[in-house]
Amino acid sequence: MSPRPKRFLGKSEHPVDPKGRMSLSKQFHGALDRDDEGRPAGVLCVERSEGKCLWIFNDEGFAKEAERFGTDAMPDPAGDGATDLDEQRDFFEFVEEFTLDAAGRVVIPARFRELAGIGKRATCVGVFGRLEVWSTERWEARQRGKNSPLVAGDGAPRALGGEEAAS
């Protein structure tokens, strides 16, 4: 029997303490790699396009993301504008490897929390090959896709159970 693929699925909410420590739900631990001592480990970075959330990858997922813009870019010899090298610098400046501590927490650097607007609460959402970490306020306020189960046929927000629909 082949091993199950490593994937991030589901959603969870977590408090973030003043030191930036956030417990990571056990449902996501299996998608992470293991360090030399067997502890869950991965790569944390600021989302590339808008910086509205953070991304967590395992090694395979991070390698795929890094390939999207090339890892062997060289400066444009003509020197006319932004280069692939600039894109790399901008991305890798906000990438850090992590290992969960004994309590299953990841430490989110202050500059990452500031860019993503993460305060006292964070919402983690599995997006198959990565885990997104959002400010709970930003997550709740974001525009949902038209095919979301939480969007009614007329495009109006729809709530589950005792929840109020976000408008």
Foldseek 3Di string as FASTA:
>chain_A
DDDDAQFFADKDKWFADPQQKTADDPSNQSNADADPVGFGKWKKFQDQPQSQWIKTAHPVLVVVVCPVLDDPWDDDPVPDDDGSVNSVCVGVVGMDIFTQPPRRITHDDPVSCVSNVADGMWMWHIPTRIIIIHRPVCVLADQDDCPDPQADPVRAGHDPDPDDGRD
